[in-house]
Amino acid sequence: IQTVLNKIKLFLAGMRRRDISRGVR
């Protein structure tokens, strides 16, 4: 479960960075 949660966090962080970058662009 911890491994899954870590993967989810990494995914959300990537999505957030992509959203921020997209918003900045």
PDB file of all heavy atoms in Angstrom:
ATOM      1  N   ILE A   1       0.841  -1.213   0.000  1.00  0.00           N
ATOM      2  CA  ILE A   1       0.000   0.000   0.000  1.00  0.00           C
ATOM      3  C   ILE A   1       0.876   1.263   0.000  1.00  0.00           C
ATOM      4  O   ILE A   1       0.605   2.238  -0.711  1.00  0.00           O
ATOM      5  CB  ILE A   1      -0.946  -0.014   1.211  1.00  0.00           C
ATOM      6  CG1 ILE A   1      -1.965  -1.159   1.068  1.00  0.00           C
ATOM      7  CG2 ILE A   1      -1.653   1.323   1.352  1.00  0.00           C
ATOM      8  CD1 ILE A   1      -2.824  -1.369   2.300  1.00  0.00           C
ATOM      9  N   GLN A   2       1.948   1.233   0.806  1.00  0.00           N
ATOM     10  CA  GLN A   2       2.851   2.381   0.873  1.00  0.00           C
ATOM     11  C   GLN A   2       3.483   2.644  -0.489  1.00  0.00           C
ATOM     12  O   GLN A   2       3.635   3.790  -0.916  1.00  0.00           O
ATOM     13  CB  GLN A   2       3.939   2.127   1.937  1.00  0.00           C
ATOM     14  CG  GLN A   2       4.844   3.318   2.178  1.00  0.00           C
ATOM     15  CD  GLN A   2       4.090   4.446   2.846  1.00  0.00           C
ATOM     16  OE1 GLN A   2       3.182   4.201   3.655  1.00  0.00           O
ATOM     17  NE2 GLN A   2       4.430   5.671   2.490  1.00  0.00           N
ATOM     18  N   THR A   3       3.827   1.552  -1.148  1.00  0.00           N
ATOM     19  CA  THR A   3       4.422   1.714  -2.487  1.00  0.00           C
ATOM     20  C   THR A   3       3.431   2.344  -3.444  1.00  0.00           C
ATOM     21  O   THR A   3       3.755   3.245  -4.239  1.00  0.00           O
ATOM     22  CB  THR A   3       4.863   0.339  -3.027  1.00  0.00           C
ATOM     23  OG1 THR A   3       5.793  -0.246  -2.102  1.00  0.00           O
ATOM     24  CG2 THR A   3       5.524   0.483  -4.386  1.00  0.00           C
ATOM     25  N   VAL A   4       2.171   1.879  -3.366  1.00  0.00           N
ATOM     26  CA  VAL A   4       1.133   2.465  -4.226  1.00  0.00           C
ATOM     27  C   VAL A   4       0.930   3.943  -3.931  1.00  0.00           C
ATOM     28  O   VAL A   4       0.803   4.789  -4.833  1.00  0.00           O
ATOM     29  CB  VAL A   4      -0.181   1.682  -4.061  1.00  0.00           C
ATOM     30  CG1 VAL A   4      -1.326   2.379  -4.804  1.00  0.00           C
ATOM     31  CG2 VAL A   4      -0.028   0.256  -4.567  1.00  0.00           C
ATOM     32  N   LEU A   5       0.907   4.270  -2.633  1.00  0.00           N
ATOM     33  CA  LEU A   5       0.730   5.687  -2.254  1.00  0.00           C
ATOM     34  C   LEU A   5       1.876   6.543  -2.770  1.00  0.00           C
ATOM     35  O   LEU A   5       1.669   7.678  -3.239  1.00  0.00           O
ATOM     36  CB  LEU A   5       0.616   5.809  -0.728  1.00  0.00           C
ATOM     37  CG  LEU A   5      -0.662   5.248  -0.102  1.00  0.00           C
ATOM     38  CD1 LEU A   5      -0.587   5.336   1.428  1.00  0.00           C
ATOM     39  CD2 LEU A   5      -1.879   5.995  -0.606  1.00  0.00           C
ATOM     40  N   ASN A   6       3.068   6.045  -2.665  1.00  0.00           N
ATOM     41  CA  ASN A   6       4.220   6.800  -3.173  1.00  0.00           C
ATOM     42  C   ASN A   6       4.104   7.028  -4.665  1.00  0.00           C
ATOM     43  O   ASN A   6       4.426   8.112  -5.186  1.00  0.00           O
ATOM     44  CB  ASN A   6       5.517   6.059  -2.843  1.00  0.00           C
ATOM     45  CG  ASN A   6       5.824   6.094  -1.341  1.00  0.00           C
ATOM     46  OD1 ASN A   6       5.396   7.014  -0.639  1.00  0.00           O
ATOM     47  ND2 ASN A   6       6.561   5.096  -0.859  1.00  0.00           N
ATOM     48  N   LYS A   7       3.643   5.982  -5.381  1.00  0.00           N
ATOM     49  CA  LYS A   7       3.467   6.141  -6.822  1.00  0.00           C
ATOM     50  C   LYS A   7       2.406   7.191  -7.142  1.00  0.00           C
ATOM     51  O   LYS A   7       2.542   7.985  -8.076  1.00  0.00           O
ATOM     52  CB  LYS A   7       3.088   4.793  -7.442  1.00  0.00           C
ATOM     53  CG  LYS A   7       4.234   3.783  -7.446  1.00  0.00           C
ATOM     54  CD  LYS A   7       3.788   2.479  -8.084  1.00  0.00           C
ATOM     55  CE  LYS A   7       4.947   1.457  -8.113  1.00  0.00           C
ATOM     56  NZ  LYS A   7       4.546   0.172  -8.739  1.00  0.00           N
ATOM     57  N   ILE A   8       1.324   7.149  -6.333  1.00  0.00           N
ATOM     58  CA  ILE A   8       0.260   8.150  -6.549  1.00  0.00           C
ATOM     59  C   ILE A   8       0.784   9.567  -6.303  1.00  0.00           C
ATOM     60  O   ILE A   8       0.489  10.507  -7.061  1.00  0.00           O
ATOM     61  CB  ILE A   8      -0.942   7.847  -5.638  1.00  0.00           C
ATOM     62  CG1 ILE A   8      -1.608   6.536  -6.071  1.00  0.00           C
ATOM     63  CG2 ILE A   8      -1.953   8.984  -5.671  1.00  0.00           C
ATOM     64  CD1 ILE A   8      -2.716   6.067  -5.137  1.00  0.00           C
ATOM     65  N   LYS A   9       1.565   9.750  -5.231  1.00  0.00           N
ATOM     66  CA  LYS A   9       2.135  11.064  -4.931  1.00  0.00           C
ATOM     67  C   LYS A   9       3.032  11.536  -6.059  1.00  0.00           C
ATOM     68  O   LYS A   9       2.990  12.704  -6.471  1.00  0.00           O
ATOM     69  CB  LYS A   9       2.913  11.019  -3.622  1.00  0.00           C
ATOM     70  CG  LYS A   9       2.050  10.910  -2.389  1.00  0.00           C
ATOM     71  CD  LYS A   9       2.907  10.881  -1.127  1.00  0.00           C
ATOM     72  CE  LYS A   9       2.045  10.789   0.124  1.00  0.00           C
ATOM     73  NZ  LYS A   9       2.888  10.757   1.359  1.00  0.00           N
ATOM     74  N   LEU A  10       3.865  10.631  -6.553  1.00  0.00           N
ATOM     75  CA  LEU A  10       4.738  11.008  -7.662  1.00  0.00           C
ATOM     76  C   LEU A  10       3.929  11.388  -8.895  1.00  0.00           C
ATOM     77  O   LEU A  10       4.254  12.353  -9.607  1.00  0.00           O
ATOM     78  CB  LEU A  10       5.692   9.843  -7.984  1.00  0.00           C
ATOM     79  CG  LEU A  10       6.757   9.523  -6.921  1.00  0.00           C
ATOM     80  CD1 LEU A  10       7.536   8.261  -7.302  1.00  0.00           C
ATOM     81  CD2 LEU A  10       7.700  10.693  -6.744  1.00  0.00           C
ATOM     82  N   PHE A  11       2.862  10.678  -9.133  1.00  0.00           N
ATOM     83  CA  PHE A  11       2.012  10.977 -10.281  1.00  0.00           C
ATOM     84  C   PHE A  11       1.360  12.362 -10.139  1.00  0.00           C
ATOM     85  O   PHE A  11       1.343  13.159 -11.074  1.00  0.00           O
ATOM     86  CB  PHE A  11       0.951   9.888 -10.429  1.00  0.00           C
ATOM     87  CG  PHE A  11      -0.044  10.162 -11.524  1.00  0.00           C
ATOM     88  CD1 PHE A  11       0.303   9.994 -12.860  1.00  0.00           C
ATOM     89  CD2 PHE A  11      -1.328  10.624 -11.205  1.00  0.00           C
ATOM     90  CE1 PHE A  11      -0.615  10.256 -13.860  1.00  0.00           C
ATOM     91  CE2 PHE A  11      -2.232  10.897 -12.217  1.00  0.00           C
ATOM     92  CZ  PHE A  11      -1.880  10.701 -13.551  1.00  0.00           C
ATOM     93  N   LEU A  12       0.814  12.602  -8.929  1.00  0.00           N
ATOM     94  CA  LEU A  12       0.158  13.904  -8.695  1.00  0.00           C
ATOM     95  C   LEU A  12       1.161  15.055  -8.774  1.00  0.00           C
ATOM     96  O   LEU A  12       0.840  16.136  -9.300  1.00  0.00           O
ATOM     97  CB  LEU A  12      -0.532  13.901  -7.325  1.00  0.00           C
ATOM     98  CG  LEU A  12      -1.754  12.975  -7.199  1.00  0.00           C
ATOM     99  CD1 LEU A  12      -2.289  12.995  -5.768  1.00  0.00           C
ATOM    100  CD2 LEU A  12      -2.851  13.371  -8.181  1.00  0.00           C
ATOM    101  N   ALA A  13       2.355  14.819  -8.236  1.00  0.00           N
ATOM    102  CA  ALA A  13       3.372  15.873  -8.313  1.00  0.00           C
ATOM    103  C   ALA A  13       3.726  16.170  -9.760  1.00  0.00           C
ATOM    104  O   ALA A  13       3.885  17.332 -10.164  1.00  0.00           O
ATOM    105  CB  ALA A  13       4.611  15.440  -7.526  1.00  0.00           C
ATOM    106  N   GLY A  14       3.832  15.098 -10.558  1.00  0.00           N
ATOM    107  CA  GLY A  14       4.125  15.312 -11.971  1.00  0.00           C
ATOM    108  C   GLY A  14       3.002  16.065 -12.655  1.00  0.00           C
ATOM    109  O   GLY A  14       3.228  16.959 -13.477  1.00  0.00           O
ATOM    110  N   MET A  15       1.773  15.641 -12.331  1.00  0.00           N
ATOM    111  CA  MET A  15       0.628  16.348 -12.910  1.00  0.00           C
ATOM    112  C   MET A  15       0.601  17.818 -12.504  1.00  0.00           C
ATOM    113  O   MET A  15       0.313  18.693 -13.321  1.00  0.00           O
ATOM    114  CB  MET A  15      -0.666  15.656 -12.458  1.00  0.00           C
ATOM    115  CG  MET A  15      -0.917  14.285 -13.087  1.00  0.00           C
ATOM    116  SD  MET A  15      -1.191  14.381 -14.857  1.00  0.00           S
ATOM    117  CE  MET A  15      -2.745  15.259 -14.883  1.00  0.00           C
ATOM    118  N   ARG A  16       0.925  18.070 -11.210  1.00  0.00           N
ATOM    119  CA  ARG A  16       0.917  19.461 -10.721  1.00  0.00           C
ATOM    120  C   ARG A  16       1.971  20.288 -11.445  1.00  0.00           C
ATOM    121  O   ARG A  16       1.731  21.430 -11.842  1.00  0.00           O
ATOM    122  CB  ARG A  16       1.131  19.482  -9.211  1.00  0.00           C
ATOM    123  CG  ARG A  16       0.894  20.858  -8.582  1.00  0.00           C
ATOM    124  CD  ARG A  16       1.106  20.833  -7.078  1.00  0.00           C
ATOM    125  NE  ARG A  16       0.124  19.944  -6.430  1.00  0.00           N
ATOM    126  CZ  ARG A  16       0.441  18.801  -5.838  1.00  0.00           C
ATOM    127  NH1 ARG A  16       1.704  18.392  -5.804  1.00  0.00           N
ATOM    128  NH2 ARG A  16      -0.501  18.043  -5.286  1.00  0.00           N
ATOM    129  N   ARG A  17       3.151  19.726 -11.580  1.00  0.00           N
ATOM    130  CA  ARG A  17       4.207  20.455 -12.279  1.00  0.00           C
ATOM    131  C   ARG A  17       3.815  20.699 -13.728  1.00  0.00           C
ATOM    132  O   ARG A  17       4.052  21.779 -14.275  1.00  0.00           O
ATOM    133  CB  ARG A  17       5.514  19.667 -12.200  1.00  0.00           C
ATOM    134  CG  ARG A  17       6.201  19.753 -10.838  1.00  0.00           C
ATOM    135  CD  ARG A  17       7.636  19.258 -10.921  1.00  0.00           C
ATOM    136  NE  ARG A  17       7.695  17.827 -11.297  1.00  0.00           N
ATOM    137  CZ  ARG A  17       7.709  16.830 -10.418  1.00  0.00           C
ATOM    138  NH1 ARG A  17       7.655  17.106  -9.125  1.00  0.00           N
ATOM    139  NH2 ARG A  17       7.776  15.582 -10.834  1.00  0.00           N
ATOM    140  N   ARG A  18       3.198  19.679 -14.334  1.00  0.00           N
ATOM    141  CA  ARG A  18       2.773  19.860 -15.734  1.00  0.00           C
ATOM    142  C   ARG A  18       1.669  20.925 -15.832  1.00  0.00           C
ATOM    143  O   ARG A  18       1.672  21.750 -16.747  1.00  0.00           O
ATOM    144  CB  ARG A  18       2.286  18.531 -16.310  1.00  0.00           C
ATOM    145  CG  ARG A  18       3.429  17.563 -16.623  1.00  0.00           C
ATOM    146  CD  ARG A  18       2.934  16.421 -17.484  1.00  0.00           C
ATOM    147  NE  ARG A  18       1.931  15.609 -16.802  1.00  0.00           N
ATOM    148  CZ  ARG A  18       2.245  14.565 -16.019  1.00  0.00           C
ATOM    149  NH1 ARG A  18       3.508  14.232 -15.812  1.00  0.00           N
ATOM    150  NH2 ARG A  18       1.284  13.862 -15.453  1.00  0.00           N
ATOM    151  N   ASP A  19       0.749  20.911 -14.842  1.00  0.00           N
ATOM    152  CA  ASP A  19      -0.324  21.924 -14.853  1.00  0.00           C
ATOM    153  C   ASP A  19       0.241  23.325 -14.647  1.00  0.00           C
ATOM    154  O   ASP A  19      -0.189  24.285 -15.306  1.00  0.00           O
ATOM    155  CB  ASP A  19      -1.353  21.618 -13.758  1.00  0.00           C
ATOM    156  CG  ASP A  19      -2.162  20.358 -14.079  1.00  0.00           C
ATOM    157  OD1 ASP A  19      -2.176  19.965 -15.264  1.00  0.00           O
ATOM    158  OD2 ASP A  19      -2.761  19.786 -13.128  1.00  0.00           O
ATOM    159  N   ILE A  20       1.176  23.422 -13.709  1.00  0.00           N
ATOM    160  CA  ILE A  20       1.769  24.739 -13.461  1.00  0.00           C
ATOM    161  C   ILE A  20       2.518  25.223 -14.689  1.00  0.00           C
ATOM    162  O   ILE A  20       2.408  26.387 -15.103  1.00  0.00           O
ATOM    163  CB  ILE A  20       2.699  24.677 -12.231  1.00  0.00           C
ATOM    164  CG1 ILE A  20       1.866  24.429 -10.959  1.00  0.00           C
ATOM    165  CG2 ILE A  20       3.496  25.951 -12.098  1.00  0.00           C
ATOM    166  CD1 ILE A  20       2.714  24.215  -9.715  1.00  0.00           C
ATOM    167  N   SER A  21       3.273  24.332 -15.281  1.00  0.00           N
ATOM    168  CA  SER A  21       4.027  24.716 -16.474  1.00  0.00           C
ATOM    169  C   SER A  21       3.077  25.105 -17.601  1.00  0.00           C
ATOM    170  O   SER A  21       3.295  26.081 -18.329  1.00  0.00           O
ATOM    171  CB  SER A  21       4.922  23.549 -16.916  1.00  0.00           C
ATOM    172  OG  SER A  21       5.859  23.237 -15.903  1.00  0.00           O
ATOM    173  N   ARG A  22       1.998  24.319 -17.724  1.00  0.00           N
ATOM    174  CA  ARG A  22       1.008  24.638 -18.756  1.00  0.00           C
ATOM    175  C   ARG A  22       0.346  25.981 -18.466  1.00  0.00           C
ATOM    176  O   ARG A  22       0.139  26.791 -19.364  1.00  0.00           O
ATOM    177  CB  ARG A  22      -0.063  23.540 -18.818  1.00  0.00           C
ATOM    178  CG  ARG A  22      -1.005  23.717 -20.028  1.00  0.00           C
ATOM    179  CD  ARG A  22      -2.092  22.658 -20.055  1.00  0.00           C
ATOM    180  NE  ARG A  22      -1.507  21.321 -20.124  1.00  0.00           N
ATOM    181  CZ  ARG A  22      -1.551  20.432 -19.148  1.00  0.00           C
ATOM    182  NH1 ARG A  22      -2.141  20.741 -17.990  1.00  0.00           N
ATOM    183  NH2 ARG A  22      -1.009  19.226 -19.290  1.00  0.00           N
ATOM    184  N   GLY A  23       0.034  26.236 -17.148  1.00  0.00           N
ATOM    185  CA  GLY A  23      -0.575  27.519 -16.792  1.00  0.00           C
ATOM    186  C   GLY A  23       0.361  28.689 -17.048  1.00  0.00           C
ATOM    187  O   GLY A  23      -0.061  29.751 -17.516  1.00  0.00           O
ATOM    188  N   VAL A  24       1.649  28.473 -16.746  1.00  0.00           N
ATOM    189  CA  VAL A  24       2.620  29.541 -17.006  1.00  0.00           C
ATOM    190  C   VAL A  24       2.733  29.812 -18.491  1.00  0.00           C
ATOM    191  O   VAL A  24       2.782  30.971 -18.936  1.00  0.00           O
ATOM    192  CB  VAL A  24       3.990  29.163 -16.392  1.00  0.00           C
ATOM    193  CG1 VAL A  24       5.066  30.132 -16.858  1.00  0.00           C
ATOM    194  CG2 VAL A  24       3.905  29.149 -14.884  1.00  0.00           C
ATOM    195  N   ARG A  25       2.741  28.750 -19.289  1.00  0.00           N
ATOM    196  CA  ARG A  25       2.826  28.940 -20.736  1.00  0.00           C
ATOM    197  C   ARG A  25       1.587  29.655 -21.279  1.00  0.00           C
ATOM    198  O   ARG A  25       1.682  30.540 -22.129  1.00  0.00           O
ATOM    199  CB  ARG A  25       3.006  27.578 -21.425  1.00  0.00           C
ATOM    200  CG  ARG A  25       4.390  26.980 -21.226  1.00  0.00           C
ATOM    201  CD  ARG A  25       4.618  25.815 -22.205  1.00  0.00           C
ATOM    202  NE  ARG A  25       3.643  24.747 -22.001  1.00  0.00           N
ATOM    203  CZ  ARG A  25       3.835  23.720 -21.175  1.00  0.00           C
ATOM    204  NH1 ARG A  25       4.949  23.643 -20.450  1.00  0.00           N
ATOM    205  NH2 ARG A  25       2.913  22.776 -21.047  1.00  0.00           N
TER     206      ARG A  25
END
